[in-house]
PDB file of N, CA and C in Angstrom:
ATOM      1  N   UNK A   1      83.867 126.630 118.198  1.00  0.00           N
ATOM      2  CA  UNK A   1      84.060 126.908 116.790  1.00  0.00           C
ATOM      3  C   UNK A   1      84.186 125.595 116.031  1.00  0.00           C
ATOM      4  N   UNK A   2      83.627 125.634 114.869  1.00  0.00           N
ATOM      5  CA  UNK A   2      83.658 124.444 114.026  1.00  0.00           C
ATOM      6  C   UNK A   2      84.582 124.697 112.838  1.00  0.00           C
ATOM      7  N   UNK A   3      85.626 123.870 112.724  1.00  0.00           N
ATOM      8  CA  UNK A   3      86.582 124.059 111.647  1.00  0.00           C
ATOM      9  C   UNK A   3      86.316 123.153 110.461  1.00  0.00           C
ATOM     10  N   UNK A   4      85.527 122.127 110.638  1.00  0.00           N
ATOM     11  CA  UNK A   4      85.278 121.168 109.573  1.00  0.00           C
ATOM     12  C   UNK A   4      83.970 121.489 108.870  1.00  0.00           C
ATOM     13  N   UNK A   5      83.990 121.353 107.575  1.00  0.00           N
ATOM     14  CA  UNK A   5      82.758 121.482 106.802  1.00  0.00           C
ATOM     15  C   UNK A   5      82.043 120.142 106.799  1.00  0.00           C
ATOM     16  N   UNK A   6      80.768 120.217 106.775  1.00  0.00           N
ATOM     17  CA  UNK A   6      80.016 118.971 106.660  1.00  0.00           C
ATOM     18  C   UNK A   6      79.933 118.605 105.189  1.00  0.00           C
ATOM     19  N   UNK A   7      80.341 117.411 104.870  1.00  0.00           N
ATOM     20  CA  UNK A   7      80.374 116.962 103.483  1.00  0.00           C
ATOM     21  C   UNK A   7      79.225 116.005 103.257  1.00  0.00           C
ATOM     22  N   UNK A   8      78.473 116.287 102.238  1.00  0.00           N
ATOM     23  CA  UNK A   8      77.400 115.367 101.868  1.00  0.00           C
ATOM     24  C   UNK A   8      77.756 114.746 100.533  1.00  0.00           C
ATOM     25  N   UNK A   9      77.671 113.438 100.467  1.00  0.00           N
ATOM     26  CA  UNK A   9      77.994 112.717  99.235  1.00  0.00           C
ATOM     27  C   UNK A   9      76.719 112.412  98.475  1.00  0.00           C
ATOM     28  N   UNK A  10      76.791 112.589  97.201  1.00  0.00           N
ATOM     29  CA  UNK A  10      75.653 112.278  96.358  1.00  0.00           C
ATOM     30  C   UNK A  10      76.075 111.165  95.401  1.00  0.00           C
ATOM     31  N   UNK A  11      75.322 110.088  95.401  1.00  0.00           N
ATOM     32  CA  UNK A  11      75.616 108.967  94.519  1.00  0.00           C
ATOM     33  C   UNK A  11      74.834 109.138  93.225  1.00  0.00           C
ATOM     34  N   UNK A  12      75.554 109.111  92.117  1.00  0.00           N
ATOM     35  CA  UNK A  12      74.883 109.243  90.830  1.00  0.00           C
ATOM     36  C   UNK A  12      74.692 107.885  90.160  1.00  0.00           C
ATOM     37  N   UNK A  13      75.508 106.905  90.518  1.00  0.00           N
ATOM     38  CA  UNK A  13      75.400 105.582  89.917  1.00  0.00           C
ATOM     39  C   UNK A  13      74.457 104.715  90.741  1.00  0.00           C
ATOM     40  N   UNK A  14      73.804 103.812  90.065  1.00  0.00           N
ATOM     41  CA  UNK A  14      72.914 102.883  90.749  1.00  0.00           C
ATOM     42  C   UNK A  14      73.726 101.801  91.451  1.00  0.00           C
ATOM     43  N   UNK A  15      73.131 101.212  92.459  1.00  0.00           N
ATOM     44  CA  UNK A  15      73.741 100.059  93.108  1.00  0.00           C
ATOM     45  C   UNK A  15      73.798  98.911  92.101  1.00  0.00           C
ATOM     46  N   UNK A  16      74.759  97.968  92.245  1.00  0.00           N
ATOM     47  CA  UNK A  16      74.897  96.900  91.249  1.00  0.00           C
ATOM     48  C   UNK A  16      73.622  96.092  91.023  1.00  0.00           C
ATOM     49  N   UNK A  17      72.912  95.766  92.096  1.00  0.00           N
ATOM     50  CA  UNK A  17      71.701  94.979  91.892  1.00  0.00           C
ATOM     51  C   UNK A  17      70.616  95.797  91.202  1.00  0.00           C
ATOM     52  N   UNK A  18      70.570  97.083  91.479  1.00  0.00           N
ATOM     53  CA  UNK A  18      69.591  97.920  90.806  1.00  0.00           C
ATOM     54  C   UNK A  18      69.982  98.178  89.356  1.00  0.00           C
ATOM     55  N   UNK A  19      71.280  98.278  89.093  1.00  0.00           N
ATOM     56  CA  UNK A  19      71.731  98.498  87.726  1.00  0.00           C
ATOM     57  C   UNK A  19      71.406  97.284  86.859  1.00  0.00           C
ATOM     58  N   UNK A  20      71.595  96.086  87.411  1.00  0.00           N
ATOM     59  CA  UNK A  20      71.258  94.888  86.645  1.00  0.00           C
ATOM     60  C   UNK A  20      69.744  94.773  86.445  1.00  0.00           C
ATOM     61  N   UNK A  21      68.989  95.201  87.434  1.00  0.00           N
ATOM     62  CA  UNK A  21      67.534  95.140  87.306  1.00  0.00           C
ATOM     63  C   UNK A  21      67.046  96.152  86.288  1.00  0.00           C
ATOM     64  N   UNK A  22      67.776  97.269  86.152  1.00  0.00           N
ATOM     65  CA  UNK A  22      67.371  98.298  85.211  1.00  0.00           C
ATOM     66  C   UNK A  22      67.799  97.965  83.787  1.00  0.00           C
ATOM     67  N   UNK A  23      68.643  96.947  83.616  1.00  0.00           N
ATOM     68  CA  UNK A  23      69.098  96.566  82.282  1.00  0.00           C
ATOM     69  C   UNK A  23      67.915  96.067  81.468  1.00  0.00           C
ATOM     70  N   UNK A  24      67.748  96.567  80.277  1.00  0.00           N
ATOM     71  CA  UNK A  24      66.566  96.184  79.499  1.00  0.00           C
ATOM     72  C   UNK A  24      66.599  94.715  79.090  1.00  0.00           C
ATOM     73  N   UNK A  25      65.487  94.065  79.215  1.00  0.00           N
ATOM     74  CA  UNK A  25      65.384  92.678  78.788  1.00  0.00           C
ATOM     75  C   UNK A  25      65.078  92.588  77.300  1.00  0.00           C
ATOM     76  N   UNK A  26      64.596  93.666  76.727  1.00  0.00           N
ATOM     77  CA  UNK A  26      64.299  93.700  75.301  1.00  0.00           C
ATOM     78  C   UNK A  26      65.084  94.825  74.659  1.00  0.00           C
ATOM     79  N   UNK A  27      65.573  94.576  73.467  1.00  0.00           N
ATOM     80  CA  UNK A  27      66.283  95.601  72.719  1.00  0.00           C
ATOM     81  C   UNK A  27      65.277  96.379  71.883  1.00  0.00           C
ATOM     82  N   UNK A  28      65.515  97.672  71.721  1.00  0.00           N
ATOM     83  CA  UNK A  28      64.636  98.474  70.886  1.00  0.00           C
ATOM     84  C   UNK A  28      64.856  98.139  69.414  1.00  0.00           C
ATOM     85  N   UNK A  29      66.076  97.691  69.082  1.00  0.00           N
ATOM     86  CA  UNK A  29      66.401  97.318  67.703  1.00  0.00           C
ATOM     87  C   UNK A  29      66.607  95.808  67.660  1.00  0.00           C
ATOM     88  N   UNK A  30      65.739  95.067  66.971  1.00  0.00           N
ATOM     89  CA  UNK A  30      65.890  93.601  66.948  1.00  0.00           C
ATOM     90  C   UNK A  30      67.199  93.139  66.303  1.00  0.00           C
ATOM     91  N   UNK A  31      67.716  93.903  65.339  1.00  0.00           N
ATOM     92  CA  UNK A  31      68.980  93.522  64.707  1.00  0.00           C
ATOM     93  C   UNK A  31      70.141  93.622  65.691  1.00  0.00           C
ATOM     94  N   UNK A  32      70.072  94.580  66.598  1.00  0.00           N
ATOM     95  CA  UNK A  32      71.114  94.719  67.611  1.00  0.00           C
ATOM     96  C   UNK A  32      71.125  93.519  68.544  1.00  0.00           C
ATOM     97  N   UNK A  33      69.956  93.010  68.901  1.00  0.00           N
ATOM     98  CA  UNK A  33      69.886  91.825  69.762  1.00  0.00           C
ATOM     99  C   UNK A  33      70.500  90.617  69.065  1.00  0.00           C
ATOM    100  N   UNK A  34      70.189  90.428  67.775  1.00  0.00           N
ATOM    101  CA  UNK A  34      70.751  89.298  67.025  1.00  0.00           C
ATOM    102  C   UNK A  34      72.269  89.429  66.947  1.00  0.00           C
ATOM    103  N   UNK A  35      72.754  90.643  66.674  1.00  0.00           N
ATOM    104  CA  UNK A  35      74.199  90.877  66.590  1.00  0.00           C
ATOM    105  C   UNK A  35      74.873  90.606  67.930  1.00  0.00           C
ATOM    106  N   UNK A  36      74.274  91.096  69.018  1.00  0.00           N
ATOM    107  CA  UNK A  36      74.854  90.907  70.341  1.00  0.00           C
ATOM    108  C   UNK A  36      74.875  89.424  70.716  1.00  0.00           C
ATOM    109  N   UNK A  37      73.802  88.699  70.417  1.00  0.00           N
ATOM    110  CA  UNK A  37      73.770  87.268  70.716  1.00  0.00           C
ATOM    111  C   UNK A  37      74.787  86.503  69.888  1.00  0.00           C
ATOM    112  N   UNK A  38      74.947  86.878  68.607  1.00  0.00           N
ATOM    113  CA  UNK A  38      75.935  86.203  67.760  1.00  0.00           C
ATOM    114  C   UNK A  38      77.343  86.449  68.269  1.00  0.00           C
ATOM    115  N   UNK A  39      77.645  87.685  68.646  1.00  0.00           N
ATOM    116  CA  UNK A  39      78.986  88.002  69.153  1.00  0.00           C
ATOM    117  C   UNK A  39      79.276  87.241  70.437  1.00  0.00           C
ATOM    118  N   UNK A  40      78.310  87.171  71.323  1.00  0.00           N
ATOM    119  CA  UNK A  40      78.508  86.448  72.577  1.00  0.00           C
ATOM    120  C   UNK A  40      78.735  84.968  72.303  1.00  0.00           C
ATOM    121  N   UNK A  41      77.989  84.391  71.402  1.00  0.00           N
ATOM    122  CA  UNK A  41      78.144  82.976  71.082  1.00  0.00           C
ATOM    123  C   UNK A  41      79.481  82.722  70.404  1.00  0.00           C
ATOM    124  N   UNK A  42      79.899  83.595  69.491  1.00  0.00           N
ATOM    125  CA  UNK A  42      81.172  83.418  68.797  1.00  0.00           C
ATOM    126  C   UNK A  42      82.346  83.485  69.772  1.00  0.00           C
ATOM    127  N   UNK A  43      82.328  84.427  70.694  1.00  0.00           N
ATOM    128  CA  UNK A  43      83.416  84.561  71.654  1.00  0.00           C
ATOM    129  C   UNK A  43      83.480  83.323  72.540  1.00  0.00           C
ATOM    130  N   UNK A  44      82.337  82.843  72.975  1.00  0.00           N
ATOM    131  CA  UNK A  44      82.304  81.656  73.829  1.00  0.00           C
ATOM    132  C   UNK A  44      82.834  80.442  73.074  1.00  0.00           C
ATOM    133  N   UNK A  45      82.440  80.278  71.828  1.00  0.00           N
ATOM    134  CA  UNK A  45      82.906  79.131  71.044  1.00  0.00           C
ATOM    135  C   UNK A  45      84.411  79.166  70.829  1.00  0.00           C
ATOM    136  N   UNK A  46      84.981  80.335  70.613  1.00  0.00           N
ATOM    137  CA  UNK A  46      86.426  80.402  70.394  1.00  0.00           C
ATOM    138  C   UNK A  46      87.202  80.103  71.664  1.00  0.00           C
ATOM    139  N   UNK A  47      86.694  80.504  72.807  1.00  0.00           N
ATOM    140  CA  UNK A  47      87.405  80.275  74.058  1.00  0.00           C
ATOM    141  C   UNK A  47      87.306  78.814  74.480  1.00  0.00           C
ATOM    142  N   UNK A  48      86.164  78.195  74.272  1.00  0.00           N
ATOM    143  CA  UNK A  48      85.949  76.813  74.727  1.00  0.00           C
ATOM    144  C   UNK A  48      86.934  75.853  74.066  1.00  0.00           C
ATOM    145  N   UNK A  49      87.277  76.074  72.818  1.00  0.00           N
ATOM    146  CA  UNK A  49      88.180  75.150  72.124  1.00  0.00           C
ATOM    147  C   UNK A  49      89.592  75.173  72.692  1.00  0.00           C
ATOM    148  N   UNK A  50      90.001  76.287  73.301  1.00  0.00           N
ATOM    149  CA  UNK A  50      91.351  76.385  73.853  1.00  0.00           C
ATOM    150  C   UNK A  50      91.450  75.894  75.293  1.00  0.00           C
ATOM    151  N   UNK A  51      90.346  75.733  75.972  1.00  0.00           N
ATOM    152  CA  UNK A  51      90.383  75.388  77.387  1.00  0.00           C
ATOM    153  C   UNK A  51      91.071  74.052  77.690  1.00  0.00           C
ATOM    154  N   UNK A  52      90.864  72.990  76.911  1.00  0.00           N
ATOM    155  CA  UNK A  52      91.577  71.737  77.233  1.00  0.00           C
ATOM    156  C   UNK A  52      93.100  71.852  77.124  1.00  0.00           C
ATOM    157  N   UNK A  53      93.588  72.825  76.394  1.00  0.00           N
ATOM    158  CA  UNK A  53      95.029  73.030  76.291  1.00  0.00           C
ATOM    159  C   UNK A  53      95.535  74.031  77.332  1.00  0.00           C
ATOM    160  N   UNK A  54      94.783  75.082  77.535  1.00  0.00           N
ATOM    161  CA  UNK A  54      95.241  76.166  78.403  1.00  0.00           C
ATOM    162  C   UNK A  54      95.206  75.763  79.876  1.00  0.00           C
ATOM    163  N   UNK A  55      94.155  75.110  80.320  1.00  0.00           N
ATOM    164  CA  UNK A  55      94.044  74.771  81.739  1.00  0.00           C
ATOM    165  C   UNK A  55      95.167  73.860  82.233  1.00  0.00           C
ATOM    166  N   UNK A  56      95.487  72.755  81.547  1.00  0.00           N
ATOM    167  CA  UNK A  56      96.612  71.935  82.039  1.00  0.00           C
ATOM    168  C   UNK A  56      97.952  72.661  81.982  1.00  0.00           C
ATOM    169  N   UNK A  57      98.153  73.474  80.957  1.00  0.00           N
ATOM    170  CA  UNK A  57      99.415  74.219  80.864  1.00  0.00           C
ATOM    171  C   UNK A  57      99.540  75.221  82.008  1.00  0.00           C
ATOM    172  N   UNK A  58      98.478  75.916  82.294  1.00  0.00           N
ATOM    173  CA  UNK A  58      98.523  76.884  83.397  1.00  0.00           C
ATOM    174  C   UNK A  58      98.676  76.167  84.740  1.00  0.00           C
ATOM    175  N   UNK A  59      98.065  74.999  84.881  1.00  0.00           N
ATOM    176  CA  UNK A  59      98.220  74.231  86.118  1.00  0.00           C
ATOM    177  C   UNK A  59      99.673  73.788  86.293  1.00  0.00           C
ATOM    178  N   UNK A  60     100.304  73.343  85.219  1.00  0.00           N
ATOM    179  CA  UNK A  60     101.708  72.924  85.295  1.00  0.00           C
ATOM    180  C   UNK A  60     102.605  74.102  85.659  1.00  0.00           C
ATOM    181  N   UNK A  61     102.347  75.250  85.055  1.00  0.00           N
ATOM    182  CA  UNK A  61     103.141  76.443  85.381  1.00  0.00           C
ATOM    183  C   UNK A  61     102.948  76.819  86.847  1.00  0.00           C
ATOM    184  N   UNK A  62     101.719  76.742  87.333  1.00  0.00           N
ATOM    185  CA  UNK A  62     101.447  77.063  88.729  1.00  0.00           C
ATOM    186  C   UNK A  62     102.170  76.106  89.672  1.00  0.00           C
ATOM    187  N   UNK A  63     102.178  74.812  89.342  1.00  0.00           N
ATOM    188  CA  UNK A  63     102.869  73.824  90.180  1.00  0.00           C
ATOM    189  C   UNK A  63     104.366  74.118  90.227  1.00  0.00           C
ATOM    190  N   UNK A  64     104.971  74.420  89.080  1.00  0.00           N
ATOM    191  CA  UNK A  64     106.398  74.732  89.062  1.00  0.00           C
ATOM    192  C   UNK A  64     106.701  76.023  89.818  1.00  0.00           C
ATOM    193  N   UNK A  65     105.815  77.015  89.716  1.00  0.00           N
ATOM    194  CA  UNK A  65     106.021  78.253  90.464  1.00  0.00           C
ATOM    195  C   UNK A  65     105.941  78.004  91.969  1.00  0.00           C
ATOM    196  N   UNK A  66     104.979  77.194  92.404  1.00  0.00           N
ATOM    197  CA  UNK A  66     104.865  76.887  93.814  1.00  0.00           C
ATOM    198  C   UNK A  66     106.062  76.067  94.301  1.00  0.00           C
ATOM    199  N   UNK A  67     106.533  75.136  93.493  1.00  0.00           N
ATOM    200  CA  UNK A  67     107.719  74.354  93.854  1.00  0.00           C
ATOM    201  C   UNK A  67     108.945  75.263  93.959  1.00  0.00           C
ATOM    202  N   UNK A  68     109.082  76.189  93.024  1.00  0.00           N
ATOM    203  CA  UNK A  68     110.208  77.126  93.071  1.00  0.00           C
ATOM    204  C   UNK A  68     110.160  77.968  94.351  1.00  0.00           C
ATOM    205  N   UNK A  69     108.991  78.440  94.709  1.00  0.00           N
ATOM    206  CA  UNK A  69     108.851  79.238  95.930  1.00  0.00           C
ATOM    207  C   UNK A  69     109.191  78.397  97.152  1.00  0.00           C
ATOM    208  N   UNK A  70     108.743  77.136  97.175  1.00  0.00           N
ATOM    209  CA  UNK A  70     109.032  76.268  98.315  1.00  0.00           C
ATOM    210  C   UNK A  70     110.535  76.015  98.450  1.00  0.00           C
ATOM    211  N   UNK A  71     111.209  75.765  97.327  1.00  0.00           N
ATOM    212  CA  UNK A  71     112.650  75.505  97.374  1.00  0.00           C
ATOM    213  C   UNK A  71     113.396  76.786  97.746  1.00  0.00           C
ATOM    214  N   UNK A  72     112.964  77.897  97.196  1.00  0.00           N
ATOM    215  CA  UNK A  72     113.632  79.164  97.484  1.00  0.00           C
ATOM    216  C   UNK A  72     113.489  79.555  98.946  1.00  0.00           C
ATOM    217  N   UNK A  73     112.305  79.295  99.521  1.00  0.00           N
ATOM    218  CA  UNK A  73     112.082  79.665 100.920  1.00  0.00           C
ATOM    219  C   UNK A  73     112.743  78.694 101.912  1.00  0.00           C
ATOM    220  N   UNK A  74     113.067  77.480 101.454  1.00  0.00           N
ATOM    221  CA  UNK A  74     113.647  76.483 102.366  1.00  0.00           C
ATOM    222  C   UNK A  74     115.097  76.709 102.622  1.00  0.00           C
TER     223      UNK A  74
END
Protein backbone atom coordinates (compact mmCIF):
# COMPACT_ATOMS: atom_id res chain seq x y z
CA UNK A 1 0.00 0.00 0.00
CA UNK A 2 1.13 3.45 -0.82
CA UNK A 3 0.38 6.14 1.74
CA UNK A 4 2.22 9.03 0.12
CA UNK A 5 0.92 11.07 -2.76
CA UNK A 6 3.27 11.86 -5.53
CA UNK A 7 3.78 15.60 -5.64
CA UNK A 8 4.71 17.32 -8.84
CA UNK A 9 6.02 20.86 -8.65
CA UNK A 10 5.34 23.33 -11.38
CA UNK A 11 7.61 26.34 -11.72
CA UNK A 12 5.88 29.46 -12.95
CA UNK A 13 8.82 31.86 -12.62
CA UNK A 14 11.73 31.89 -15.01
CA UNK A 15 15.23 31.03 -13.90
CA UNK A 16 17.30 34.16 -13.06
CA UNK A 17 19.46 33.95 -16.16
CA UNK A 18 16.43 33.44 -18.36
CA UNK A 19 14.54 36.26 -16.66
CA UNK A 20 17.41 38.66 -17.33
CA UNK A 21 17.62 37.46 -20.92
CA UNK A 22 13.89 38.03 -21.33
CA UNK A 23 14.19 41.61 -20.05
CA UNK A 24 13.51 43.95 -22.95
CA UNK A 25 16.47 45.87 -24.27
CA UNK A 26 14.16 48.45 -25.82
CA UNK A 27 11.28 50.26 -24.18
CA UNK A 28 7.99 50.51 -26.03
CA UNK A 29 7.66 54.09 -24.74
CA UNK A 30 10.76 56.24 -25.40
CA UNK A 31 9.78 58.70 -22.66
CA UNK A 32 9.78 55.87 -20.12
CA UNK A 33 13.36 54.96 -21.08
CA UNK A 34 14.50 58.58 -20.64
CA UNK A 35 12.73 58.78 -17.27
CA UNK A 36 14.21 55.47 -16.09
CA UNK A 37 17.73 56.49 -17.17
CA UNK A 38 17.39 59.88 -15.45
CA UNK A 39 16.19 58.29 -12.21
CA UNK A 40 19.03 55.78 -12.23
CA UNK A 41 21.60 58.50 -12.85
CA UNK A 42 20.13 60.78 -10.16
CA UNK A 43 20.15 58.04 -7.53
CA UNK A 44 23.74 57.12 -8.37
CA UNK A 45 24.88 60.75 -8.20
CA UNK A 46 23.30 61.28 -4.78
CA UNK A 47 24.87 58.16 -3.31
CA UNK A 48 28.36 58.79 -4.70
CA UNK A 49 28.71 62.11 -2.88
CA UNK A 50 28.16 60.47 0.52
CA UNK A 51 30.55 57.56 0.04
CA UNK A 52 33.77 59.36 1.14
CA UNK A 53 32.05 60.14 4.45
CA UNK A 54 30.05 56.97 5.00
CA UNK A 55 32.73 54.38 4.26
CA UNK A 56 35.33 55.61 6.80
CA UNK A 57 32.64 56.10 9.44
CA UNK A 58 31.29 52.61 8.95
CA UNK A 59 34.83 51.20 8.99
CA UNK A 60 35.54 52.95 12.31
CA UNK A 61 32.30 51.61 13.79
CA UNK A 62 33.18 48.11 12.59
CA UNK A 63 36.66 48.32 14.16
CA UNK A 64 35.22 49.43 17.51
CA UNK A 65 32.60 46.66 17.38
CA UNK A 66 35.27 44.05 16.68
CA UNK A 67 37.47 45.44 19.48
CA UNK A 68 34.51 45.33 21.87
CA UNK A 69 33.82 41.70 20.96
CA UNK A 70 37.49 40.80 21.42
CA UNK A 71 37.64 42.44 24.86
CA UNK A 72 34.31 40.97 25.90
CA UNK A 73 35.33 37.46 24.85
CA UNK A 74 38.75 37.67 26.56
